[in-house]
Amino acid sequence: MKYSYSLLFILLFPLFAMAQQPTGDLTIFSEDGDKFFLILNGQRQNTAAQTNVRIEDLNQPYYSAKIIFEDKALGEISKNIAIADPSSNAMMDVTYKIKKDGSGKAKLRYFTAIPPVQNYVAPADVYVMHYGGAPITTGGTVTQQTTTTTTGTTGTVGANVNVNGVNVGVSINDPYANGTVTQTTTTTTTTTSGYTEQSYSEEHHRSGYHKGSGDCYPMNSSDFEAAKKTIADATYAETMLSTAKSIIASNCLSAEQVVQICNIFSFEDSKLEFAKAAYSRTTDRNNYFKVINAFSYSASKDDLTNYISSH
């Protein structure tokens, strides 16, 4: 029987290897809060119009994307999007934003790209979906089910395995098996990541935070610590800044959290650029004076103050 199970593993190994191939992710958000439908390679991703859509587990380097707005007056946008880094072919977590030009026409613009983050938890205001699969509920809730059934009889080992929607059946004769053994095992594992509206509300109520800009809460403590580490681990200042911008594209922050991220940057200009970008994603803008006070130079303080006044 050991020989049969070893052979079974060898036969199924390519399937598991295929299931674990590198994948990328795509987030598209509307800067002005216009709701839209996203179509990738002819397949509609969200059944209800959303303002922030994230598609995970993309295994192709390029996709043809179309944006159809709920407001028909905004028209449609078509664009080819690269998920893989052209210089290294590495799959990336790419973010695009929908922005209106001077004439009011909506455009899809590249925003940031970072290496995919393991066990990424999307914020509560993002619609998340695995490409080619069923939608995931808002807030990054992910449900995965794996069912394995194994039946063995005299001289025969059979298995039916379902992995990420791929089914394979194998039957192996074992001349050394004696007797009859029949065993059926069904295992269903449900893993939920992210936070429900209730858990977000409870945690941030205890922390003294409430909904603000974008109708969302600031990042919870564990996700925020992971975000800071991701930024700090970036090799170059430009990468640190693009990583930080990518994080706030899909998350809201408190003024205190903005201060903590600003303190990660070594260069004043990077700190200033991030502080400006984070202002629109800050839930308690009335406390943004804390961010202004985080700067060492009066010129930077004045620059940020003028930016806030103009926005």
C-alpha atoms as a PDB file:
ATOM      1  CA  MET A   1       0.000   0.000   0.000  1.00  0.00           C
ATOM      2  CA  LYS A   2       2.880   2.406   0.681  1.00  0.00           C
ATOM      3  CA  TYR A   3       4.080   1.880  -2.892  1.00  0.00           C
ATOM      4  CA  SER A   4       0.617   2.728  -4.223  1.00  0.00           C
ATOM      5  CA  TYR A   5       0.323   5.943  -2.220  1.00  0.00           C
ATOM      6  CA  SER A   6       3.804   7.033  -3.286  1.00  0.00           C
ATOM      7  CA  LEU A   7       2.899   6.499  -6.928  1.00  0.00           C
ATOM      8  CA  LEU A   8      -0.377   8.354  -6.369  1.00  0.00           C
ATOM      9  CA  PHE A   9       1.547  11.355  -4.988  1.00  0.00           C
ATOM     10  CA  ILE A  10       3.906  11.342  -7.981  1.00  0.00           C
ATOM     11  CA  LEU A  11       0.970  11.340 -10.378  1.00  0.00           C
ATOM     12  CA  LEU A  12      -0.808  14.184  -8.580  1.00  0.00           C
ATOM     13  CA  PHE A  13       2.268  16.349  -7.927  1.00  0.00           C
ATOM     14  CA  PRO A  14       2.068  18.217 -11.288  1.00  0.00           C
ATOM     15  CA  LEU A  15      -1.512  19.231 -10.422  1.00  0.00           C
ATOM     16  CA  PHE A  16      -0.474  20.745  -7.108  1.00  0.00           C
ATOM     17  CA  ALA A  17       2.504  22.455  -8.731  1.00  0.00           C
ATOM     18  CA  MET A  18       0.195  24.000 -11.301  1.00  0.00           C
ATOM     19  CA  ALA A  19      -2.137  25.213  -8.543  1.00  0.00           C
ATOM     20  CA  GLN A  20       0.758  26.995  -6.832  1.00  0.00           C
ATOM     21  CA  GLN A  21       2.114  28.839  -9.868  1.00  0.00           C
ATOM     22  CA  PRO A  22       2.938  32.528  -9.309  1.00  0.00           C
ATOM     23  CA  THR A  23      -0.014  34.875  -9.666  1.00  0.00           C
ATOM     24  CA  GLY A  24      -0.565  38.619  -9.574  1.00  0.00           C
ATOM     25  CA  ASP A  25      -3.347  40.921  -8.440  1.00  0.00           C
ATOM     26  CA  LEU A  26      -5.121  43.955  -9.855  1.00  0.00           C
ATOM     27  CA  THR A  27      -6.875  46.779  -8.024  1.00  0.00           C
ATOM     28  CA  ILE A  28      -8.813  49.515  -9.816  1.00  0.00           C
ATOM     29  CA  PHE A  29     -10.409  52.366  -7.896  1.00  0.00           C
ATOM     30  CA  SER A  30     -12.326  55.468  -8.882  1.00  0.00           C
ATOM     31  CA  GLU A  31     -10.719  58.658  -7.617  1.00  0.00           C
ATOM     32  CA  ASP A  32     -14.077  60.458  -7.678  1.00  0.00           C
ATOM     33  CA  GLY A  33     -16.140  57.564  -6.340  1.00  0.00           C
ATOM     34  CA  ASP A  34     -17.856  56.724  -9.651  1.00  0.00           C
ATOM     35  CA  LYS A  35     -19.233  53.176  -9.605  1.00  0.00           C
ATOM     36  CA  PHE A  36     -18.224  50.838 -12.419  1.00  0.00           C
ATOM     37  CA  PHE A  37     -18.134  47.290 -13.759  1.00  0.00           C
ATOM     38  CA  LEU A  38     -14.781  45.668 -14.607  1.00  0.00           C
ATOM     39  CA  ILE A  39     -14.412  43.269 -17.528  1.00  0.00           C
ATOM     40  CA  LEU A  40     -11.153  41.298 -17.957  1.00  0.00           C
ATOM     41  CA  ASN A  41     -10.591  39.340 -21.170  1.00  0.00           C
ATOM     42  CA  GLY A  42     -14.331  39.486 -21.863  1.00  0.00           C
ATOM     43  CA  GLN A  43     -15.346  38.227 -18.405  1.00  0.00           C
ATOM     44  CA  ARG A  44     -17.315  40.536 -16.095  1.00  0.00           C
ATOM     45  CA  GLN A  45     -15.785  40.549 -12.619  1.00  0.00           C
ATOM     46  CA  ASN A  46     -18.326  42.343 -10.408  1.00  0.00           C
ATOM     47  CA  THR A  47     -22.062  41.770 -10.660  1.00  0.00           C
ATOM     48  CA  ALA A  48     -22.871  45.065  -8.904  1.00  0.00           C
ATOM     49  CA  ALA A  49     -21.220  48.385  -9.737  1.00  0.00           C
ATOM     50  CA  GLN A  50     -18.399  49.233  -7.310  1.00  0.00           C
ATOM     51  CA  THR A  51     -15.966  52.102  -6.688  1.00  0.00           C
ATOM     52  CA  ASN A  52     -12.991  49.898  -5.717  1.00  0.00           C
ATOM     53  CA  VAL A  53     -12.465  46.453  -7.266  1.00  0.00           C
ATOM     54  CA  ARG A  54      -9.640  44.002  -6.554  1.00  0.00           C
ATOM     55  CA  ILE A  55      -9.066  40.845  -8.618  1.00  0.00           C
ATOM     56  CA  GLU A  56      -6.688  38.239  -7.181  1.00  0.00           C
ATOM     57  CA  ASP A  57      -4.916  35.150  -8.590  1.00  0.00           C
ATOM     58  CA  LEU A  58      -4.268  36.495 -12.092  1.00  0.00           C
ATOM     59  CA  ASN A  59      -1.938  34.050 -13.846  1.00  0.00           C
ATOM     60  CA  GLN A  60      -1.419  35.821 -17.171  1.00  0.00           C
ATOM     61  CA  PRO A  61       1.117  38.635 -17.734  1.00  0.00           C
ATOM     62  CA  TYR A  62      -1.355  40.829 -19.667  1.00  0.00           C
ATOM     63  CA  TYR A  63      -5.105  41.358 -19.632  1.00  0.00           C
ATOM     64  CA  SER A  64      -7.533  43.323 -21.753  1.00  0.00           C
ATOM     65  CA  ALA A  65      -9.602  45.468 -19.398  1.00  0.00           C
ATOM     66  CA  LYS A  66     -12.818  47.371 -19.975  1.00  0.00           C
ATOM     67  CA  ILE A  67     -14.497  49.753 -17.525  1.00  0.00           C
ATOM     68  CA  ILE A  68     -18.258  50.269 -17.879  1.00  0.00           C
ATOM     69  CA  PHE A  69     -19.615  52.991 -15.624  1.00  0.00           C
ATOM     70  CA  GLU A  70     -22.948  52.808 -13.863  1.00  0.00           C
ATOM     71  CA  ASP A  71     -23.429  56.388 -15.011  1.00  0.00           C
ATOM     72  CA  LYS A  72     -23.692  55.904 -18.792  1.00  0.00           C
ATOM     73  CA  ALA A  73     -22.767  59.538 -19.362  1.00  0.00           C
ATOM     74  CA  LEU A  74     -19.170  58.699 -18.367  1.00  0.00           C
ATOM     75  CA  GLY A  75     -18.817  56.299 -21.296  1.00  0.00           C
ATOM     76  CA  GLU A  76     -16.438  53.323 -21.277  1.00  0.00           C
ATOM     77  CA  ILE A  77     -12.682  52.782 -20.963  1.00  0.00           C
ATOM     78  CA  SER A  78     -10.656  50.055 -22.691  1.00  0.00           C
ATOM     79  CA  LYS A  79      -7.024  49.418 -21.825  1.00  0.00           C
ATOM     80  CA  ASN A  80      -4.428  46.615 -21.922  1.00  0.00           C
ATOM     81  CA  ILE A  81      -2.979  46.075 -18.445  1.00  0.00           C
ATOM     82  CA  ALA A  82       0.342  44.431 -17.585  1.00  0.00           C
ATOM     83  CA  ILE A  83       0.281  42.277 -14.447  1.00  0.00           C
ATOM     84  CA  ALA A  84       3.875  41.065 -14.834  1.00  0.00           C
ATOM     85  CA  ASP A  85       6.873  43.390 -14.533  1.00  0.00           C
ATOM     86  CA  PRO A  86       8.163  43.761 -18.133  1.00  0.00           C
ATOM     87  CA  SER A  87      11.786  43.901 -16.938  1.00  0.00           C
ATOM     88  CA  SER A  88      11.725  40.742 -14.812  1.00  0.00           C
ATOM     89  CA  ASN A  89       8.493  38.948 -15.811  1.00  0.00           C
ATOM     90  CA  ALA A  90       7.687  38.713 -12.085  1.00  0.00           C
ATOM     91  CA  MET A  91       3.989  38.821 -11.243  1.00  0.00           C
ATOM     92  CA  MET A  92       2.984  42.011  -9.406  1.00  0.00           C
ATOM     93  CA  ASP A  93       0.179  43.516  -7.343  1.00  0.00           C
ATOM     94  CA  VAL A  94      -0.835  46.336  -9.699  1.00  0.00           C
ATOM     95  CA  THR A  95      -3.072  49.313  -8.928  1.00  0.00           C
ATOM     96  CA  TYR A  96      -4.782  51.610 -11.455  1.00  0.00           C
ATOM     97  CA  LYS A  97      -6.981  54.592 -10.736  1.00  0.00           C
ATOM     98  CA  ILE A  98      -9.826  56.103 -12.719  1.00  0.00           C
ATOM     99  CA  LYS A  99      -9.188  59.825 -13.036  1.00  0.00           C
ATOM    100  CA  LYS A 100     -10.952  62.521 -15.013  1.00  0.00           C
ATOM    101  CA  ASP A 101      -8.937  64.796 -17.271  1.00  0.00           C
ATOM    102  CA  GLY A 102      -9.423  68.546 -17.692  1.00  0.00           C
ATOM    103  CA  SER A 103     -12.410  68.023 -19.973  1.00  0.00           C
ATOM    104  CA  GLY A 104     -14.104  65.667 -17.511  1.00  0.00           C
ATOM    105  CA  LYS A 105     -13.416  62.506 -19.520  1.00  0.00           C
ATOM    106  CA  ALA A 106     -12.606  59.443 -17.412  1.00  0.00           C
ATOM    107  CA  LYS A 107      -9.188  57.849 -17.956  1.00  0.00           C
ATOM    108  CA  LEU A 108      -7.589  54.713 -16.504  1.00  0.00           C
ATOM    109  CA  ARG A 109      -4.128  55.619 -15.192  1.00  0.00           C
ATOM    110  CA  TYR A 110      -1.321  53.467 -13.776  1.00  0.00           C
ATOM    111  CA  PHE A 111      -0.860  54.178 -10.060  1.00  0.00           C
ATOM    112  CA  THR A 112       1.527  51.693  -8.401  1.00  0.00           C
ATOM    113  CA  ALA A 113       2.903  48.149  -8.577  1.00  0.00           C
ATOM    114  CA  ILE A 114       4.443  46.151  -5.732  1.00  0.00           C
ATOM    115  CA  PRO A 115       5.329  42.452  -5.240  1.00  0.00           C
ATOM    116  CA  PRO A 116       2.253  40.448  -4.157  1.00  0.00           C
ATOM    117  CA  VAL A 117       1.788  40.400  -0.374  1.00  0.00           C
ATOM    118  CA  GLN A 118       1.131  37.007   1.200  1.00  0.00           C
ATOM    119  CA  ASN A 119      -2.178  36.712   3.075  1.00  0.00           C
ATOM    120  CA  TYR A 120      -3.193  40.212   2.019  1.00  0.00           C
ATOM    121  CA  VAL A 121      -6.350  41.401   3.758  1.00  0.00           C
ATOM    122  CA  ALA A 122      -8.438  43.851   1.769  1.00  0.00           C
ATOM    123  CA  PRO A 123     -10.183  46.712   3.612  1.00  0.00           C
ATOM    124  CA  ALA A 124     -13.907  46.704   4.150  1.00  0.00           C
ATOM    125  CA  ASP A 125     -14.725  49.034   1.232  1.00  0.00           C
ATOM    126  CA  VAL A 126     -13.060  46.917  -1.478  1.00  0.00           C
ATOM    127  CA  TYR A 127     -14.895  44.382  -3.639  1.00  0.00           C
ATOM    128  CA  VAL A 128     -12.579  41.352  -3.929  1.00  0.00           C
ATOM    129  CA  MET A 129     -12.789  38.420  -6.318  1.00  0.00           C
ATOM    130  CA  HIS A 130     -10.581  35.501  -7.332  1.00  0.00           C
ATOM    131  CA  TYR A 131     -10.200  35.598 -11.117  1.00  0.00           C
ATOM    132  CA  GLY A 132     -12.301  32.901 -12.724  1.00  0.00           C
ATOM    133  CA  GLY A 133     -14.089  32.144  -9.454  1.00  0.00           C
ATOM    134  CA  ALA A 134     -17.025  33.308  -7.404  1.00  0.00           C
ATOM    135  CA  PRO A 135     -17.030  36.789  -5.858  1.00  0.00           C
ATOM    136  CA  ILE A 136     -15.651  37.178  -2.360  1.00  0.00           C
ATOM    137  CA  THR A 137     -17.692  39.260   0.037  1.00  0.00           C
ATOM    138  CA  THR A 138     -16.642  42.848   0.614  1.00  0.00           C
ATOM    139  CA  GLY A 139     -13.976  43.205   3.262  1.00  0.00           C
ATOM    140  CA  GLY A 140     -11.599  40.594   1.908  1.00  0.00           C
ATOM    141  CA  THR A 141     -13.470  37.547   3.240  1.00  0.00           C
ATOM    142  CA  VAL A 142     -12.007  34.491   1.535  1.00  0.00           C
ATOM    143  CA  THR A 143     -13.562  31.058   1.658  1.00  0.00           C
ATOM    144  CA  GLN A 144     -11.619  28.081   0.338  1.00  0.00           C
ATOM    145  CA  GLN A 145     -12.886  24.515   0.340  1.00  0.00           C
ATOM    146  CA  THR A 146     -10.885  21.361  -0.316  1.00  0.00           C
ATOM    147  CA  THR A 147     -12.640  18.009  -0.401  1.00  0.00           C
ATOM    148  CA  THR A 148     -10.710  14.726  -0.644  1.00  0.00           C
ATOM    149  CA  THR A 149     -12.330  11.292  -0.879  1.00  0.00           C
ATOM    150  CA  THR A 150     -10.172   8.133  -0.752  1.00  0.00           C
ATOM    151  CA  THR A 151     -11.489   4.602  -1.255  1.00  0.00           C
ATOM    152  CA  GLY A 152      -9.363   1.463  -1.171  1.00  0.00           C
ATOM    153  CA  THR A 153     -10.369  -2.130  -2.007  1.00  0.00           C
ATOM    154  CA  THR A 154      -8.403  -5.318  -2.556  1.00  0.00           C
ATOM    155  CA  GLY A 155      -5.506  -4.443  -4.811  1.00  0.00           C
ATOM    156  CA  THR A 156      -6.875  -1.019  -5.742  1.00  0.00           C
ATOM    157  CA  VAL A 157      -6.320   2.527  -4.492  1.00  0.00           C
ATOM    158  CA  GLY A 158      -8.606   5.260  -5.864  1.00  0.00           C
ATOM    159  CA  ALA A 159      -8.642   8.964  -5.242  1.00  0.00           C
ATOM    160  CA  ASN A 160     -10.669  11.918  -6.371  1.00  0.00           C
ATOM    161  CA  VAL A 161      -9.111  15.325  -5.590  1.00  0.00           C
ATOM    162  CA  ASN A 162     -10.572  18.780  -6.076  1.00  0.00           C
ATOM    163  CA  VAL A 163      -8.054  21.665  -5.916  1.00  0.00           C
ATOM    164  CA  ASN A 164      -9.188  25.178  -6.826  1.00  0.00           C
ATOM    165  CA  GLY A 165     -11.905  23.821  -9.069  1.00  0.00           C
ATOM    166  CA  VAL A 166      -9.656  21.279 -10.878  1.00  0.00           C
ATOM    167  CA  ASN A 167     -10.832  17.651 -10.586  1.00  0.00           C
ATOM    168  CA  VAL A 168      -8.717  14.561 -11.183  1.00  0.00           C
ATOM    169  CA  GLY A 169      -9.450  10.892 -10.566  1.00  0.00           C
ATOM    170  CA  VAL A 170      -6.778   8.180 -10.250  1.00  0.00           C
ATOM    171  CA  SER A 171      -7.086   4.414  -9.779  1.00  0.00           C
ATOM    172  CA  ILE A 172      -3.965   2.306  -9.038  1.00  0.00           C
ATOM    173  CA  ASN A 173      -3.684  -1.483  -8.779  1.00  0.00           C
ATOM    174  CA  ASP A 174      -1.613  -2.745  -5.834  1.00  0.00           C
ATOM    175  CA  PRO A 175      -0.759  -6.455  -6.122  1.00  0.00           C
ATOM    176  CA  TYR A 176       0.546  -6.476  -2.551  1.00  0.00           C
ATOM    177  CA  ALA A 177      -2.685  -5.332  -0.911  1.00  0.00           C
ATOM    178  CA  ASN A 178      -4.673  -8.005   0.978  1.00  0.00           C
ATOM    179  CA  GLY A 179      -8.203  -7.878   2.299  1.00  0.00           C
ATOM    180  CA  THR A 180     -10.778  -5.238   1.630  1.00  0.00           C
ATOM    181  CA  VAL A 181     -10.573  -1.776   3.128  1.00  0.00           C
ATOM    182  CA  THR A 182     -13.073   0.944   2.336  1.00  0.00           C
ATOM    183  CA  GLN A 183     -12.492   4.395   3.799  1.00  0.00           C
ATOM    184  CA  THR A 184     -14.109   7.662   2.841  1.00  0.00           C
ATOM    185  CA  THR A 185     -12.785  10.924   4.303  1.00  0.00           C
ATOM    186  CA  THR A 186     -14.273  14.290   3.496  1.00  0.00           C
ATOM    187  CA  THR A 187     -12.542  17.387   4.835  1.00  0.00           C
ATOM    188  CA  THR A 188     -13.934  20.850   4.322  1.00  0.00           C
ATOM    189  CA  THR A 189     -11.797  23.783   5.421  1.00  0.00           C
ATOM    190  CA  THR A 190     -13.179  27.291   5.444  1.00  0.00           C
ATOM    191  CA  THR A 191     -10.696  30.102   5.991  1.00  0.00           C
ATOM    192  CA  THR A 192     -11.982  33.612   6.465  1.00  0.00           C
ATOM    193  CA  SER A 193      -9.657  36.591   6.329  1.00  0.00           C
ATOM    194  CA  GLY A 194     -10.534  40.227   6.584  1.00  0.00           C
ATOM    195  CA  TYR A 195     -12.990  41.956   8.855  1.00  0.00           C
ATOM    196  CA  THR A 196     -16.743  42.208   8.836  1.00  0.00           C
ATOM    197  CA  GLU A 197     -18.355  45.600   9.218  1.00  0.00           C
ATOM    198  CA  GLN A 198     -19.182  44.684  12.811  1.00  0.00           C
ATOM    199  CA  SER A 199     -15.627  43.650  13.759  1.00  0.00           C
ATOM    200  CA  TYR A 200     -14.198  46.784  12.134  1.00  0.00           C
ATOM    201  CA  SER A 201     -16.694  48.891  14.055  1.00  0.00           C
ATOM    202  CA  GLU A 202     -15.959  47.223  17.382  1.00  0.00           C
ATOM    203  CA  GLU A 203     -12.178  47.429  17.075  1.00  0.00           C
ATOM    204  CA  HIS A 204     -12.070  51.046  15.972  1.00  0.00           C
ATOM    205  CA  HIS A 205     -14.717  52.139  18.448  1.00  0.00           C
ATOM    206  CA  ARG A 206     -12.450  50.828  21.195  1.00  0.00           C
ATOM    207  CA  SER A 207      -9.561  52.721  19.599  1.00  0.00           C
ATOM    208  CA  GLY A 208     -11.558  55.936  19.405  1.00  0.00           C
ATOM    209  CA  TYR A 209     -11.677  55.919  15.581  1.00  0.00           C
ATOM    210  CA  HIS A 210     -14.795  56.296  13.485  1.00  0.00           C
ATOM    211  CA  LYS A 211     -15.684  56.262   9.830  1.00  0.00           C
ATOM    212  CA  GLY A 212     -14.412  59.213   7.885  1.00  0.00           C
ATOM    213  CA  SER A 213     -13.148  59.912   4.368  1.00  0.00           C
ATOM    214  CA  GLY A 214     -14.312  57.317   1.872  1.00  0.00           C
ATOM    215  CA  ASP A 215     -16.783  55.928   4.447  1.00  0.00           C
ATOM    216  CA  CYS A 216     -14.118  53.591   5.830  1.00  0.00           C
ATOM    217  CA  TYR A 217     -12.153  53.028   9.008  1.00  0.00           C
ATOM    218  CA  PRO A 218      -8.389  53.395   9.404  1.00  0.00           C
ATOM    219  CA  MET A 219      -6.366  50.183   9.098  1.00  0.00           C
ATOM    220  CA  ASN A 220      -6.578  47.838  12.071  1.00  0.00           C
ATOM    221  CA  SER A 221      -3.428  47.483  14.170  1.00  0.00           C
ATOM    222  CA  SER A 222      -2.182  44.139  12.807  1.00  0.00           C
ATOM    223  CA  ASP A 223      -2.634  45.103   9.153  1.00  0.00           C
ATOM    224  CA  PHE A 224      -1.033  48.484   9.786  1.00  0.00           C
ATOM    225  CA  GLU A 225       2.063  46.931  11.359  1.00  0.00           C
ATOM    226  CA  ALA A 226       2.367  44.594   8.357  1.00  0.00           C
ATOM    227  CA  ALA A 227       2.013  47.579   6.017  1.00  0.00           C
ATOM    228  CA  LYS A 228       4.762  49.531   7.804  1.00  0.00           C
ATOM    229  CA  LYS A 229       7.095  46.540   7.587  1.00  0.00           C
ATOM    230  CA  THR A 230       6.418  46.173   3.867  1.00  0.00           C
ATOM    231  CA  ILE A 231       7.294  49.828   3.304  1.00  0.00           C
ATOM    232  CA  ALA A 232      10.398  49.704   5.492  1.00  0.00           C
ATOM    233  CA  ASP A 233      11.665  46.553   3.749  1.00  0.00           C
ATOM    234  CA  ALA A 234      11.688  48.243   0.325  1.00  0.00           C
ATOM    235  CA  THR A 235      15.209  48.705  -1.018  1.00  0.00           C
ATOM    236  CA  TYR A 236      14.999  52.163  -2.574  1.00  0.00           C
ATOM    237  CA  ALA A 237      13.289  55.411  -1.594  1.00  0.00           C
ATOM    238  CA  GLU A 238      11.221  55.375  -4.795  1.00  0.00           C
ATOM    239  CA  THR A 239      10.030  51.845  -4.053  1.00  0.00           C
ATOM    240  CA  MET A 240       9.175  52.771  -0.484  1.00  0.00           C
ATOM    241  CA  LEU A 241       7.079  55.688  -1.710  1.00  0.00           C
ATOM    242  CA  SER A 242       5.270  53.688  -4.413  1.00  0.00           C
ATOM    243  CA  THR A 243       4.582  50.899  -1.910  1.00  0.00           C
ATOM    244  CA  ALA A 244       3.133  53.362   0.598  1.00  0.00           C
ATOM    245  CA  LYS A 245       0.936  54.930  -2.086  1.00  0.00           C
ATOM    246  CA  SER A 246      -0.292  51.495  -3.145  1.00  0.00           C
ATOM    247  CA  ILE A 247      -1.302  50.727   0.424  1.00  0.00           C
ATOM    248  CA  ILE A 248      -3.333  53.919   0.852  1.00  0.00           C
ATOM    249  CA  ALA A 249      -4.965  53.366  -2.527  1.00  0.00           C
ATOM    250  CA  SER A 250      -6.907  50.497  -0.943  1.00  0.00           C
ATOM    251  CA  ASN A 251      -6.872  51.484   2.725  1.00  0.00           C
ATOM    252  CA  CYS A 252      -7.753  54.452   4.916  1.00  0.00           C
ATOM    253  CA  LEU A 253      -5.497  55.773   7.688  1.00  0.00           C
ATOM    254  CA  SER A 254      -5.788  57.853  10.810  1.00  0.00           C
ATOM    255  CA  ALA A 255      -3.665  60.988  11.108  1.00  0.00           C
ATOM    256  CA  GLU A 256      -1.497  59.210  13.680  1.00  0.00           C
ATOM    257  CA  GLN A 257      -0.918  56.327  11.256  1.00  0.00           C
ATOM    258  CA  VAL A 258       0.109  58.814   8.561  1.00  0.00           C
ATOM    259  CA  VAL A 259       2.662  60.253  10.994  1.00  0.00           C
ATOM    260  CA  GLN A 260       4.102  56.789  11.666  1.00  0.00           C
ATOM    261  CA  ILE A 261       4.517  56.058   7.963  1.00  0.00           C
ATOM    262  CA  CYS A 262       6.036  59.484   7.346  1.00  0.00           C
ATOM    263  CA  ASN A 263       8.640  58.713   9.983  1.00  0.00           C
ATOM    264  CA  ILE A 264       9.772  55.673   7.980  1.00  0.00           C
ATOM    265  CA  PHE A 265      11.055  57.879   5.148  1.00  0.00           C
ATOM    266  CA  SER A 266      14.602  59.223   5.382  1.00  0.00           C
ATOM    267  CA  PHE A 267      14.123  61.983   2.814  1.00  0.00           C
ATOM    268  CA  GLU A 268      11.961  65.021   3.485  1.00  0.00           C
ATOM    269  CA  ASP A 269      10.625  65.191  -0.078  1.00  0.00           C
ATOM    270  CA  SER A 270       9.407  61.573   0.044  1.00  0.00           C
ATOM    271  CA  LYS A 271       7.752  62.224   3.395  1.00  0.00           C
ATOM    272  CA  LEU A 272       6.060  65.322   2.008  1.00  0.00           C
ATOM    273  CA  GLU A 273       4.808  63.597  -1.141  1.00  0.00           C
ATOM    274  CA  PHE A 274       3.314  60.769   0.904  1.00  0.00           C
ATOM    275  CA  ALA A 275       1.683  63.175   3.367  1.00  0.00           C
ATOM    276  CA  LYS A 276      -0.036  64.957   0.486  1.00  0.00           C
ATOM    277  CA  ALA A 277      -1.200  61.687  -1.089  1.00  0.00           C
ATOM    278  CA  ALA A 278      -2.490  60.366   2.236  1.00  0.00           C
ATOM    279  CA  TYR A 279      -4.588  63.426   3.085  1.00  0.00           C
ATOM    280  CA  SER A 280      -7.576  62.329   0.980  1.00  0.00           C
ATOM    281  CA  ARG A 281      -7.429  58.844   2.587  1.00  0.00           C
ATOM    282  CA  THR A 282      -7.299  60.082   6.187  1.00  0.00           C
ATOM    283  CA  THR A 283     -10.397  59.508   8.293  1.00  0.00           C
ATOM    284  CA  ASP A 284      -9.762  62.278  10.842  1.00  0.00           C
ATOM    285  CA  ARG A 285      -8.523  65.173   8.742  1.00  0.00           C
ATOM    286  CA  ASN A 286      -9.226  67.527  11.627  1.00  0.00           C
ATOM    287  CA  ASN A 287      -6.145  65.970  13.271  1.00  0.00           C
ATOM    288  CA  TYR A 288      -3.861  66.474  10.296  1.00  0.00           C
ATOM    289  CA  PHE A 289      -1.956  69.087  12.277  1.00  0.00           C
ATOM    290  CA  LYS A 290      -0.183  66.079  13.815  1.00  0.00           C
ATOM    291  CA  VAL A 291       1.223  65.256  10.387  1.00  0.00           C
ATOM    292  CA  ILE A 292       2.321  68.853   9.796  1.00  0.00           C
ATOM    293  CA  ASN A 293       4.177  68.825  13.116  1.00  0.00           C
ATOM    294  CA  ALA A 294       6.040  65.653  12.071  1.00  0.00           C
ATOM    295  CA  PHE A 295       8.162  67.699   9.629  1.00  0.00           C
ATOM    296  CA  SER A 296      11.473  69.242  10.636  1.00  0.00           C
ATOM    297  CA  TYR A 297      11.637  72.106   8.143  1.00  0.00           C
ATOM    298  CA  SER A 298       9.290  75.077   8.099  1.00  0.00           C
ATOM    299  CA  ALA A 299       9.275  75.034   4.280  1.00  0.00           C
ATOM    300  CA  SER A 300       7.808  71.508   4.312  1.00  0.00           C
ATOM    301  CA  LYS A 301       5.236  72.497   6.932  1.00  0.00           C
ATOM    302  CA  ASP A 302       4.180  75.478   4.847  1.00  0.00           C
ATOM    303  CA  ASP A 303       4.022  73.390   1.690  1.00  0.00           C
ATOM    304  CA  LEU A 304       1.778  70.786   3.317  1.00  0.00           C
ATOM    305  CA  THR A 305      -0.389  73.455   4.940  1.00  0.00           C
ATOM    306  CA  ASN A 306      -0.931  75.152   1.571  1.00  0.00           C
ATOM    307  CA  TYR A 307      -1.755  71.791  -0.021  1.00  0.00           C
ATOM    308  CA  ILE A 308      -4.398  71.065   2.636  1.00  0.00           C
ATOM    309  CA  SER A 309      -5.894  74.527   2.231  1.00  0.00           C
ATOM    310  CA  SER A 310      -6.218  74.067  -1.532  1.00  0.00           C
ATOM    311  CA  HIS A 311      -7.892  70.682  -1.131  1.00  0.00           C
END
